[in-house]
Amino acid sequence: MAEPAIIVEVAHAGVHDTWRRRVSLPAGSTAMQAVEAAGGLQELPAEVLNPLRLGIHSRRVEADHVLRDGDRLELYRPLALDPMAARRRRAGQG
Protein backbone atom coordinates (compact mmCIF):
# COMPACT_ATOMS: atom_id res chain seq x y z
CA MET A 1 0.00 0.00 0.00
CA ALA A 2 1.29 3.47 -0.87
CA GLU A 3 2.27 5.86 1.89
CA PRO A 4 -0.33 8.62 2.39
CA ALA A 5 0.70 11.92 0.85
CA ILE A 6 -0.16 15.52 1.60
CA ILE A 7 -0.16 18.48 -0.79
CA VAL A 8 1.15 21.80 0.57
CA GLU A 9 1.93 25.11 -1.05
CA VAL A 10 5.21 26.88 -0.28
CA ALA A 11 5.21 30.63 -0.96
CA HIS A 12 7.72 33.48 -0.71
CA ALA A 13 7.20 37.15 -1.58
CA GLY A 14 10.54 38.87 -1.89
CA VAL A 15 11.33 42.46 -2.74
CA HIS A 16 12.05 41.66 -6.41
CA ASP A 17 10.54 38.21 -6.90
CA THR A 18 7.61 36.12 -5.78
CA TRP A 19 7.07 32.40 -6.12
CA ARG A 20 4.62 29.68 -5.09
CA ARG A 21 5.11 25.97 -5.47
CA ARG A 22 2.90 23.00 -4.69
CA VAL A 23 4.74 20.01 -3.34
CA SER A 24 3.61 16.50 -2.50
CA LEU A 25 5.14 15.09 0.67
CA PRO A 26 4.67 12.02 2.82
CA ALA A 27 2.26 12.48 5.73
CA GLY A 28 4.13 13.64 8.82
CA SER A 29 6.56 15.89 6.90
CA THR A 30 7.87 19.05 8.54
CA ALA A 31 7.92 22.66 7.37
CA MET A 32 11.66 22.46 6.65
CA GLN A 33 11.16 19.37 4.48
CA ALA A 34 8.56 21.28 2.46
CA VAL A 35 10.97 24.20 1.92
CA GLU A 36 13.67 21.77 0.78
CA ALA A 37 11.25 19.96 -1.55
CA ALA A 38 10.17 23.27 -3.10
CA GLY A 39 13.79 24.19 -3.84
CA GLY A 40 13.53 27.36 -1.77
CA LEU A 41 16.85 27.04 0.01
CA GLN A 42 18.81 27.60 -3.19
CA GLU A 43 16.80 30.65 -4.30
CA LEU A 44 16.41 32.63 -1.11
CA PRO A 45 18.72 35.47 -0.08
CA ALA A 46 20.81 35.04 3.08
CA GLU A 47 18.75 37.54 5.11
CA VAL A 48 15.68 35.32 4.66
CA LEU A 49 17.49 32.10 5.53
CA ASN A 50 19.22 33.28 8.68
CA PRO A 51 17.07 32.98 10.69
CA LEU A 52 14.42 31.23 8.63
CA ARG A 53 10.99 32.69 9.45
CA LEU A 54 8.06 30.42 8.58
CA GLY A 55 4.31 30.66 8.95
CA ILE A 56 1.13 28.91 7.95
CA HIS A 57 -1.70 31.23 6.96
CA SER A 58 0.06 34.17 8.73
CA ARG A 59 0.74 32.25 11.97
CA ARG A 60 4.37 31.68 12.87
CA VAL A 61 5.58 28.07 13.02
CA GLU A 62 8.94 26.44 13.69
CA ALA A 63 10.91 24.46 11.11
CA ASP A 64 9.98 21.17 12.81
CA HIS A 65 6.22 21.88 12.65
CA VAL A 66 4.35 18.90 11.16
CA LEU A 67 2.30 19.93 8.13
CA ARG A 68 -1.23 18.94 7.24
CA ASP A 69 -2.78 18.47 3.82
CA GLY A 70 -3.71 21.83 2.29
CA ASP A 71 -1.38 23.98 4.41
CA ARG A 72 0.15 27.08 2.82
CA LEU A 73 3.67 27.48 4.17
CA GLU A 74 4.95 31.04 3.92
CA LEU A 75 8.61 32.12 4.06
CA TYR A 76 8.89 35.60 5.54
CA ARG A 77 11.57 38.18 4.83
CA PRO A 78 12.79 40.46 7.62
CA LEU A 79 10.97 43.73 8.24
CA ALA A 80 12.54 46.74 6.55
CA LEU A 81 11.35 49.07 9.33
CA ASP A 82 10.21 48.38 12.87
CA PRO A 83 6.43 49.07 13.02
CA MET A 84 6.73 50.93 16.34
CA ALA A 85 9.46 53.20 14.96
CA ALA A 86 7.29 53.96 11.93
CA ARG A 87 4.35 54.90 14.18
CA ARG A 88 6.55 57.15 16.31
CA ARG A 89 7.88 58.86 13.19
CA ARG A 90 4.35 59.45 11.85
CA ALA A 91 3.16 60.74 15.24
CA GLY A 92 6.03 63.22 15.34
CA GLN A 93 5.13 64.54 11.89
CA GLY A 94 1.43 65.04 12.64
PDB file of N, CA and C in Angstrom:
ATOM      1  N   MET A   1       0.841  -1.178   0.000  1.00  0.00           N
ATOM      2  CA  MET A   1       0.000   0.000   0.000  1.00  0.00           C
ATOM      3  C   MET A   1       0.889   1.245   0.000  1.00  0.00           C
ATOM      4  N   ALA A   2       0.505   2.246  -0.754  1.00  0.00           N
ATOM      5  CA  ALA A   2       1.290   3.468  -0.874  1.00  0.00           C
ATOM      6  C   ALA A   2       1.174   4.304   0.405  1.00  0.00           C
ATOM      7  N   GLU A   3       2.251   4.983   0.723  1.00  0.00           N
ATOM      8  CA  GLU A   3       2.272   5.865   1.890  1.00  0.00           C
ATOM      9  C   GLU A   3       1.361   7.058   1.628  1.00  0.00           C
ATOM     10  N   PRO A   4       0.546   7.466   2.611  1.00  0.00           N
ATOM     11  CA  PRO A   4      -0.333   8.616   2.390  1.00  0.00           C
ATOM     12  C   PRO A   4       0.479   9.879   2.135  1.00  0.00           C
ATOM     13  N   ALA A   5      -0.015  10.701   1.216  1.00  0.00           N
ATOM     14  CA  ALA A   5       0.700  11.922   0.851  1.00  0.00           C
ATOM     15  C   ALA A   5      -0.156  13.132   1.178  1.00  0.00           C
ATOM     16  N   ILE A   6       0.523  14.248   1.399  1.00  0.00           N
ATOM     17  CA  ILE A   6      -0.157  15.520   1.598  1.00  0.00           C
ATOM     18  C   ILE A   6       0.331  16.495   0.527  1.00  0.00           C
ATOM     19  N   ILE A   7      -0.513  17.431   0.170  1.00  0.00           N
ATOM     20  CA  ILE A   7      -0.158  18.475  -0.790  1.00  0.00           C
ATOM     21  C   ILE A   7      -0.116  19.787  -0.014  1.00  0.00           C
ATOM     22  N   VAL A   8       1.025  20.484  -0.067  1.00  0.00           N
ATOM     23  CA  VAL A   8       1.149  21.795   0.571  1.00  0.00           C
ATOM     24  C   VAL A   8       1.691  22.785  -0.447  1.00  0.00           C
ATOM     25  N   GLU A   9       1.412  24.049  -0.198  1.00  0.00           N
ATOM     26  CA  GLU A   9       1.926  25.105  -1.049  1.00  0.00           C
ATOM     27  C   GLU A   9       2.985  25.864  -0.258  1.00  0.00           C
ATOM     28  N   VAL A  10       4.129  26.113  -0.889  1.00  0.00           N
ATOM     29  CA  VAL A  10       5.212  26.880  -0.279  1.00  0.00           C
ATOM     30  C   VAL A  10       5.289  28.196  -1.042  1.00  0.00           C
ATOM     31  N   ALA A  11       5.248  29.320  -0.319  1.00  0.00           N
ATOM     32  CA  ALA A  11       5.207  30.634  -0.963  1.00  0.00           C
ATOM     33  C   ALA A  11       6.223  31.577  -0.327  1.00  0.00           C
ATOM     34  N   HIS A  12       6.803  32.438  -1.184  1.00  0.00           N
ATOM     35  CA  HIS A  12       7.716  33.481  -0.715  1.00  0.00           C
ATOM     36  C   HIS A  12       7.496  34.731  -1.555  1.00  0.00           C
ATOM     37  N   ALA A  13       7.344  35.867  -0.887  1.00  0.00           N
ATOM     38  CA  ALA A  13       7.202  37.149  -1.579  1.00  0.00           C
ATOM     39  C   ALA A  13       8.404  38.002  -1.207  1.00  0.00           C
ATOM     40  N   GLY A  14       9.354  38.072  -2.112  1.00  0.00           N
ATOM     41  CA  GLY A  14      10.542  38.873  -1.889  1.00  0.00           C
ATOM     42  C   GLY A  14      10.349  40.286  -2.387  1.00  0.00           C
ATOM     43  N   VAL A  15      11.384  41.083  -2.269  1.00  0.00           N
ATOM     44  CA  VAL A  15      11.331  42.456  -2.742  1.00  0.00           C
ATOM     45  C   VAL A  15      11.227  42.491  -4.262  1.00  0.00           C
ATOM     46  N   HIS A  16      11.996  41.639  -4.944  1.00  0.00           N
ATOM     47  CA  HIS A  16      12.046  41.662  -6.407  1.00  0.00           C
ATOM     48  C   HIS A  16      11.425  40.442  -7.075  1.00  0.00           C
ATOM     49  N   ASP A  17      11.116  39.416  -6.299  1.00  0.00           N
ATOM     50  CA  ASP A  17      10.536  38.215  -6.904  1.00  0.00           C
ATOM     51  C   ASP A  17       9.539  37.572  -5.950  1.00  0.00           C
ATOM     52  N   THR A  18       8.617  36.844  -6.536  1.00  0.00           N
ATOM     53  CA  THR A  18       7.606  36.117  -5.784  1.00  0.00           C
ATOM     54  C   THR A  18       7.460  34.747  -6.418  1.00  0.00           C
ATOM     55  N   TRP A  19       7.327  33.725  -5.571  1.00  0.00           N
ATOM     56  CA  TRP A  19       7.074  32.402  -6.118  1.00  0.00           C
ATOM     57  C   TRP A  19       6.198  31.581  -5.183  1.00  0.00           C
ATOM     58  N   ARG A  20       5.459  30.648  -5.798  1.00  0.00           N
ATOM     59  CA  ARG A  20       4.623  29.684  -5.087  1.00  0.00           C
ATOM     60  C   ARG A  20       4.821  28.336  -5.746  1.00  0.00           C
ATOM     61  N   ARG A  21       4.951  27.320  -4.934  1.00  0.00           N
ATOM     62  CA  ARG A  21       5.115  25.972  -5.474  1.00  0.00           C
ATOM     63  C   ARG A  21       4.293  24.983  -4.659  1.00  0.00           C
ATOM     64  N   ARG A  22       3.608  24.106  -5.351  1.00  0.00           N
ATOM     65  CA  ARG A  22       2.897  23.005  -4.695  1.00  0.00           C
ATOM     66  C   ARG A  22       3.830  21.805  -4.656  1.00  0.00           C
ATOM     67  N   VAL A  23       3.898  21.187  -3.490  1.00  0.00           N
ATOM     68  CA  VAL A  23       4.736  20.007  -3.343  1.00  0.00           C
ATOM     69  C   VAL A  23       3.920  18.897  -2.696  1.00  0.00           C
ATOM     70  N   SER A  24       4.223  17.681  -3.092  1.00  0.00           N
ATOM     71  CA  SER A  24       3.609  16.501  -2.503  1.00  0.00           C
ATOM     72  C   SER A  24       4.635  15.861  -1.586  1.00  0.00           C
ATOM     73  N   LEU A  25       4.235  15.624  -0.347  1.00  0.00           N
ATOM     74  CA  LEU A  25       5.141  15.088   0.668  1.00  0.00           C
ATOM     75  C   LEU A  25       4.475  13.930   1.389  1.00  0.00           C
ATOM     76  N   PRO A  26       5.269  13.066   1.995  1.00  0.00           N
ATOM     77  CA  PRO A  26       4.669  12.018   2.823  1.00  0.00           C
ATOM     78  C   PRO A  26       3.989  12.627   4.053  1.00  0.00           C
ATOM     79  N   ALA A  27       2.934  12.016   4.513  1.00  0.00           N
ATOM     80  CA  ALA A  27       2.260  12.478   5.727  1.00  0.00           C
ATOM     81  C   ALA A  27       3.267  12.488   6.866  1.00  0.00           C
ATOM     82  N   GLY A  28       3.194  13.517   7.705  1.00  0.00           N
ATOM     83  CA  GLY A  28       4.125  13.644   8.818  1.00  0.00           C
ATOM     84  C   GLY A  28       5.359  14.476   8.490  1.00  0.00           C
ATOM     85  N   SER A  29       5.411  15.063   7.298  1.00  0.00           N
ATOM     86  CA  SER A  29       6.561  15.885   6.901  1.00  0.00           C
ATOM     87  C   SER A  29       6.543  17.212   7.651  1.00  0.00           C
ATOM     88  N   THR A  30       7.731  17.788   7.809  1.00  0.00           N
ATOM     89  CA  THR A  30       7.871  19.047   8.541  1.00  0.00           C
ATOM     90  C   THR A  30       7.932  20.231   7.582  1.00  0.00           C
ATOM     91  N   ALA A  31       7.851  21.426   8.158  1.00  0.00           N
ATOM     92  CA  ALA A  31       7.923  22.655   7.369  1.00  0.00           C
ATOM     93  C   ALA A  31       9.257  22.745   6.634  1.00  0.00           C
ATOM     94  N   MET A  32      10.354  22.388   7.287  1.00  0.00           N
ATOM     95  CA  MET A  32      11.663  22.458   6.646  1.00  0.00           C
ATOM     96  C   MET A  32      11.750  21.480   5.471  1.00  0.00           C
ATOM     97  N   GLN A  33      11.156  20.320   5.594  1.00  0.00           N
ATOM     98  CA  GLN A  33      11.160  19.367   4.484  1.00  0.00           C
ATOM     99  C   GLN A  33      10.386  19.924   3.292  1.00  0.00           C
ATOM    100  N   ALA A  34       9.330  20.668   3.546  1.00  0.00           N
ATOM    101  CA  ALA A  34       8.562  21.282   2.459  1.00  0.00           C
ATOM    102  C   ALA A  34       9.384  22.356   1.758  1.00  0.00           C
ATOM    103  N   VAL A  35      10.118  23.168   2.522  1.00  0.00           N
ATOM    104  CA  VAL A  35      10.970  24.199   1.924  1.00  0.00           C
ATOM    105  C   VAL A  35      12.036  23.546   1.059  1.00  0.00           C
ATOM    106  N   GLU A  36      12.645  22.482   1.557  1.00  0.00           N
ATOM    107  CA  GLU A  36      13.673  21.772   0.784  1.00  0.00           C
ATOM    108  C   GLU A  36      13.083  21.171  -0.485  1.00  0.00           C
ATOM    109  N   ALA A  37      11.889  20.578  -0.390  1.00  0.00           N
ATOM    110  CA  ALA A  37      11.249  19.964  -1.554  1.00  0.00           C
ATOM    111  C   ALA A  37      10.875  20.997  -2.605  1.00  0.00           C
ATOM    112  N   ALA A  38      10.545  22.211  -2.165  1.00  0.00           N
ATOM    113  CA  ALA A  38      10.172  23.274  -3.097  1.00  0.00           C
ATOM    114  C   ALA A  38      11.387  23.921  -3.746  1.00  0.00           C
ATOM    115  N   GLY A  39      12.577  23.608  -3.270  1.00  0.00           N
ATOM    116  CA  GLY A  39      13.786  24.192  -3.835  1.00  0.00           C
ATOM    117  C   GLY A  39      14.053  25.596  -3.344  1.00  0.00           C
ATOM    118  N   GLY A  40      13.403  25.998  -2.270  1.00  0.00           N
ATOM    119  CA  GLY A  40      13.529  27.359  -1.773  1.00  0.00           C
ATOM    120  C   GLY A  40      14.876  27.703  -1.179  1.00  0.00           C
ATOM    121  N   LEU A  41      15.577  26.740  -0.647  1.00  0.00           N
ATOM    122  CA  LEU A  41      16.848  27.045   0.014  1.00  0.00           C
ATOM    123  C   LEU A  41      17.896  27.553  -0.955  1.00  0.00           C
ATOM    124  N   GLN A  42      17.832  27.145  -2.210  1.00  0.00           N
ATOM    125  CA  GLN A  42      18.807  27.602  -3.194  1.00  0.00           C
ATOM    126  C   GLN A  42      18.487  28.996  -3.713  1.00  0.00           C
ATOM    127  N   GLU A  43      17.227  29.400  -3.684  1.00  0.00           N
ATOM    128  CA  GLU A  43      16.797  30.649  -4.304  1.00  0.00           C
ATOM    129  C   GLU A  43      16.696  31.826  -3.348  1.00  0.00           C
ATOM    130  N   LEU A  44      16.659  31.560  -2.058  1.00  0.00           N
ATOM    131  CA  LEU A  44      16.408  32.633  -1.108  1.00  0.00           C
ATOM    132  C   LEU A  44      17.675  33.381  -0.726  1.00  0.00           C
ATOM    133  N   PRO A  45      17.566  34.699  -0.532  1.00  0.00           N
ATOM    134  CA  PRO A  45      18.724  35.465  -0.083  1.00  0.00           C
ATOM    135  C   PRO A  45      19.086  35.117   1.362  1.00  0.00           C
ATOM    136  N   ALA A  46      20.310  35.405   1.754  1.00  0.00           N
ATOM    137  CA  ALA A  46      20.813  35.043   3.078  1.00  0.00           C
ATOM    138  C   ALA A  46      19.999  35.667   4.206  1.00  0.00           C
ATOM    139  N   GLU A  47      19.496  36.901   4.024  1.00  0.00           N
ATOM    140  CA  GLU A  47      18.746  37.541   5.109  1.00  0.00           C
ATOM    141  C   GLU A  47      17.423  36.848   5.388  1.00  0.00           C
ATOM    142  N   VAL A  48      16.904  36.086   4.428  1.00  0.00           N
ATOM    143  CA  VAL A  48      15.676  35.324   4.659  1.00  0.00           C
ATOM    144  C   VAL A  48      16.004  34.004   5.347  1.00  0.00           C
ATOM    145  N   LEU A  49      17.124  33.403   4.995  1.00  0.00           N
ATOM    146  CA  LEU A  49      17.485  32.101   5.532  1.00  0.00           C
ATOM    147  C   LEU A  49      18.013  32.142   6.961  1.00  0.00           C
ATOM    148  N   ASN A  50      18.582  33.246   7.373  1.00  0.00           N
ATOM    149  CA  ASN A  50      19.223  33.278   8.679  1.00  0.00           C
ATOM    150  C   ASN A  50      18.668  34.418   9.515  1.00  0.00           C
ATOM    151  N   PRO A  51      17.769  34.235  10.421  1.00  0.00           N
ATOM    152  CA  PRO A  51      17.068  32.980  10.694  1.00  0.00           C
ATOM    153  C   PRO A  51      15.883  32.790   9.753  1.00  0.00           C
ATOM    154  N   LEU A  52      15.537  31.557   9.511  1.00  0.00           N
ATOM    155  CA  LEU A  52      14.419  31.233   8.633  1.00  0.00           C
ATOM    156  C   LEU A  52      13.114  31.491   9.388  1.00  0.00           C
ATOM    157  N   ARG A  53      12.274  32.345   8.832  1.00  0.00           N
ATOM    158  CA  ARG A  53      10.986  32.687   9.446  1.00  0.00           C
ATOM    159  C   ARG A  53       9.884  32.034   8.623  1.00  0.00           C
ATOM    160  N   LEU A  54       9.097  31.182   9.271  1.00  0.00           N
ATOM    161  CA  LEU A  54       8.058  30.423   8.585  1.00  0.00           C
ATOM    162  C   LEU A  54       6.709  30.676   9.225  1.00  0.00           C
ATOM    163  N   GLY A  55       5.666  30.542   8.436  1.00  0.00           N
ATOM    164  CA  GLY A  55       4.314  30.656   8.951  1.00  0.00           C
ATOM    165  C   GLY A  55       3.342  29.875   8.091  1.00  0.00           C
ATOM    166  N   ILE A  56       2.217  29.555   8.682  1.00  0.00           N
ATOM    167  CA  ILE A  56       1.128  28.908   7.955  1.00  0.00           C
ATOM    168  C   ILE A  56      -0.084  29.813   8.097  1.00  0.00           C
ATOM    169  N   HIS A  57      -0.563  30.316   6.970  1.00  0.00           N
ATOM    170  CA  HIS A  57      -1.704  31.234   6.963  1.00  0.00           C
ATOM    171  C   HIS A  57      -1.482  32.366   7.974  1.00  0.00           C
ATOM    172  N   SER A  58      -0.321  33.009   7.915  1.00  0.00           N
ATOM    173  CA  SER A  58       0.060  34.173   8.730  1.00  0.00           C
ATOM    174  C   SER A  58       0.304  33.869  10.206  1.00  0.00           C
ATOM    175  N   ARG A  59       0.410  32.625  10.584  1.00  0.00           N
ATOM    176  CA  ARG A  59       0.742  32.253  11.966  1.00  0.00           C
ATOM    177  C   ARG A  59       2.115  31.606  11.987  1.00  0.00           C
ATOM    178  N   ARG A  60       2.989  32.147  12.814  1.00  0.00           N
ATOM    179  CA  ARG A  60       4.371  31.677  12.867  1.00  0.00           C
ATOM    180  C   ARG A  60       4.452  30.223  13.326  1.00  0.00           C
ATOM    181  N   VAL A  61       5.311  29.456  12.640  1.00  0.00           N
ATOM    182  CA  VAL A  61       5.583  28.066  13.015  1.00  0.00           C
ATOM    183  C   VAL A  61       7.089  27.843  12.993  1.00  0.00           C
ATOM    184  N   GLU A  62       7.524  26.822  13.677  1.00  0.00           N
ATOM    185  CA  GLU A  62       8.936  26.444  13.693  1.00  0.00           C
ATOM    186  C   GLU A  62       9.223  25.493  12.528  1.00  0.00           C
ATOM    187  N   ALA A  63      10.499  25.312  12.232  1.00  0.00           N
ATOM    188  CA  ALA A  63      10.910  24.460  11.110  1.00  0.00           C
ATOM    189  C   ALA A  63      10.499  23.002  11.308  1.00  0.00           C
ATOM    190  N   ASP A  64      10.348  22.571  12.557  1.00  0.00           N
ATOM    191  CA  ASP A  64       9.982  21.171  12.815  1.00  0.00           C
ATOM    192  C   ASP A  64       8.463  20.961  12.945  1.00  0.00           C
ATOM    193  N   HIS A  65       7.681  21.986  12.600  1.00  0.00           N
ATOM    194  CA  HIS A  65       6.221  21.882  12.650  1.00  0.00           C
ATOM    195  C   HIS A  65       5.751  20.841  11.630  1.00  0.00           C
ATOM    196  N   VAL A  66       4.888  19.932  12.053  1.00  0.00           N
ATOM    197  CA  VAL A  66       4.353  18.897  11.164  1.00  0.00           C
ATOM    198  C   VAL A  66       3.202  19.488  10.367  1.00  0.00           C
ATOM    199  N   LEU A  67       3.283  19.346   9.047  1.00  0.00           N
ATOM    200  CA  LEU A  67       2.298  19.935   8.132  1.00  0.00           C
ATOM    201  C   LEU A  67       1.094  19.032   7.951  1.00  0.00           C
ATOM    202  N   ARG A  68      -0.021  19.679   7.572  1.00  0.00           N
ATOM    203  CA  ARG A  68      -1.234  18.943   7.236  1.00  0.00           C
ATOM    204  C   ARG A  68      -1.573  19.192   5.775  1.00  0.00           C
ATOM    205  N   ASP A  69      -2.365  18.325   5.209  1.00  0.00           N
ATOM    206  CA  ASP A  69      -2.778  18.470   3.823  1.00  0.00           C
ATOM    207  C   ASP A  69      -3.487  19.812   3.631  1.00  0.00           C
ATOM    208  N   GLY A  70      -3.083  20.562   2.599  1.00  0.00           N
ATOM    209  CA  GLY A  70      -3.706  21.826   2.285  1.00  0.00           C
ATOM    210  C   GLY A  70      -3.066  23.037   2.945  1.00  0.00           C
ATOM    211  N   ASP A  71      -2.052  22.845   3.785  1.00  0.00           N
ATOM    212  CA  ASP A  71      -1.378  23.982   4.412  1.00  0.00           C
ATOM    213  C   ASP A  71      -0.686  24.843   3.369  1.00  0.00           C
ATOM    214  N   ARG A  72      -0.612  26.151   3.645  1.00  0.00           N
ATOM    215  CA  ARG A  72       0.150  27.083   2.817  1.00  0.00           C
ATOM    216  C   ARG A  72       1.292  27.581   3.693  1.00  0.00           C
ATOM    217  N   LEU A  73       2.484  27.116   3.413  1.00  0.00           N
ATOM    218  CA  LEU A  73       3.673  27.478   4.172  1.00  0.00           C
ATOM    219  C   LEU A  73       4.273  28.732   3.569  1.00  0.00           C
ATOM    220  N   GLU A  74       4.435  29.762   4.388  1.00  0.00           N
ATOM    221  CA  GLU A  74       4.952  31.043   3.916  1.00  0.00           C
ATOM    222  C   GLU A  74       6.345  31.276   4.487  1.00  0.00           C
ATOM    223  N   LEU A  75       7.251  31.765   3.644  1.00  0.00           N
ATOM    224  CA  LEU A  75       8.608  32.117   4.056  1.00  0.00           C
ATOM    225  C   LEU A  75       8.657  33.634   4.135  1.00  0.00           C
ATOM    226  N   TYR A  76       8.935  34.149   5.314  1.00  0.00           N
ATOM    227  CA  TYR A  76       8.888  35.596   5.536  1.00  0.00           C
ATOM    228  C   TYR A  76      10.273  36.213   5.428  1.00  0.00           C
ATOM    229  N   ARG A  77      10.324  37.409   4.857  1.00  0.00           N
ATOM    230  CA  ARG A  77      11.566  38.181   4.830  1.00  0.00           C
ATOM    231  C   ARG A  77      11.577  39.091   6.057  1.00  0.00           C
ATOM    232  N   PRO A  78      12.740  39.578   6.446  1.00  0.00           N
ATOM    233  CA  PRO A  78      12.789  40.463   7.616  1.00  0.00           C
ATOM    234  C   PRO A  78      12.097  41.795   7.333  1.00  0.00           C
ATOM    235  N   LEU A  79      11.622  42.426   8.387  1.00  0.00           N
ATOM    236  CA  LEU A  79      10.975  43.732   8.243  1.00  0.00           C
ATOM    237  C   LEU A  79      12.008  44.779   7.863  1.00  0.00           C
ATOM    238  N   ALA A  80      11.640  45.662   6.960  1.00  0.00           N
ATOM    239  CA  ALA A  80      12.539  46.742   6.550  1.00  0.00           C
ATOM    240  C   ALA A  80      12.562  47.853   7.594  1.00  0.00           C
ATOM    241  N   LEU A  81      11.459  48.012   8.326  1.00  0.00           N
ATOM    242  CA  LEU A  81      11.349  49.067   9.327  1.00  0.00           C
ATOM    243  C   LEU A  81      10.505  48.548  10.476  1.00  0.00           C
ATOM    244  N   ASP A  82      10.947  48.791  11.680  1.00  0.00           N
ATOM    245  CA  ASP A  82      10.212  48.385  12.868  1.00  0.00           C
ATOM    246  C   ASP A  82       8.864  49.124  12.900  1.00  0.00           C
ATOM    247  N   PRO A  83       7.742  48.414  13.037  1.00  0.00           N
ATOM    248  CA  PRO A  83       6.429  49.066  13.025  1.00  0.00           C
ATOM    249  C   PRO A  83       6.273  50.141  14.103  1.00  0.00           C
ATOM    250  N   MET A  84       6.838  49.923  15.280  1.00  0.00           N
ATOM    251  CA  MET A  84       6.735  50.934  16.345  1.00  0.00           C
ATOM    252  C   MET A  84       7.515  52.194  15.981  1.00  0.00           C
ATOM    253  N   ALA A  85       8.675  52.031  15.379  1.00  0.00           N
ATOM    254  CA  ALA A  85       9.459  53.196  14.959  1.00  0.00           C
ATOM    255  C   ALA A  85       8.718  53.974  13.881  1.00  0.00           C
ATOM    256  N   ALA A  86       8.063  53.289  12.976  1.00  0.00           N
ATOM    257  CA  ALA A  86       7.291  53.964  11.925  1.00  0.00           C
ATOM    258  C   ALA A  86       6.135  54.757  12.528  1.00  0.00           C
ATOM    259  N   ARG A  87       5.452  54.183  13.528  1.00  0.00           N
ATOM    260  CA  ARG A  87       4.349  54.897  14.179  1.00  0.00           C
ATOM    261  C   ARG A  87       4.854  56.137  14.907  1.00  0.00           C
ATOM    262  N   ARG A  88       5.979  56.001  15.600  1.00  0.00           N
ATOM    263  CA  ARG A  88       6.546  57.152  16.308  1.00  0.00           C
ATOM    264  C   ARG A  88       6.922  58.262  15.326  1.00  0.00           C
ATOM    265  N   ARG A  89       7.488  57.868  14.199  1.00  0.00           N
ATOM    266  CA  ARG A  89       7.879  58.864  13.193  1.00  0.00           C
ATOM    267  C   ARG A  89       6.648  59.587  12.641  1.00  0.00           C
ATOM    268  N   ARG A  90       5.580  58.832  12.350  1.00  0.00           N
ATOM    269  CA  ARG A  90       4.349  59.452  11.849  1.00  0.00           C
ATOM    270  C   ARG A  90       3.722  60.352  12.904  1.00  0.00           C
ATOM    271  N   ALA A  91       3.736  59.930  14.168  1.00  0.00           N
ATOM    272  CA  ALA A  91       3.158  60.742  15.237  1.00  0.00           C
ATOM    273  C   ALA A  91       3.926  62.049  15.411  1.00  0.00           C
ATOM    274  N   GLY A  92       5.218  62.008  15.217  1.00  0.00           N
ATOM    275  CA  GLY A  92       6.029  63.216  15.338  1.00  0.00           C
ATOM    276  C   GLY A  92       5.789  64.199  14.207  1.00  0.00           C
ATOM    277  N   GLN A  93       5.381  63.679  13.051  1.00  0.00           N
ATOM    278  CA  GLN A  93       5.132  64.535  11.890  1.00  0.00           C
ATOM    279  C   GLN A  93       3.771  65.204  11.968  1.00  0.00           C
ATOM    280  N   GLY A  94       2.814  64.567  12.648  1.00  0.00           N
ATOM    281  CA  GLY A  94       1.428  65.044  12.644  1.00  0.00           C
ATOM    282  C   GLY A  94       1.201  66.075  13.666  1.00  0.00           C
TER     283      GLY A  94
END
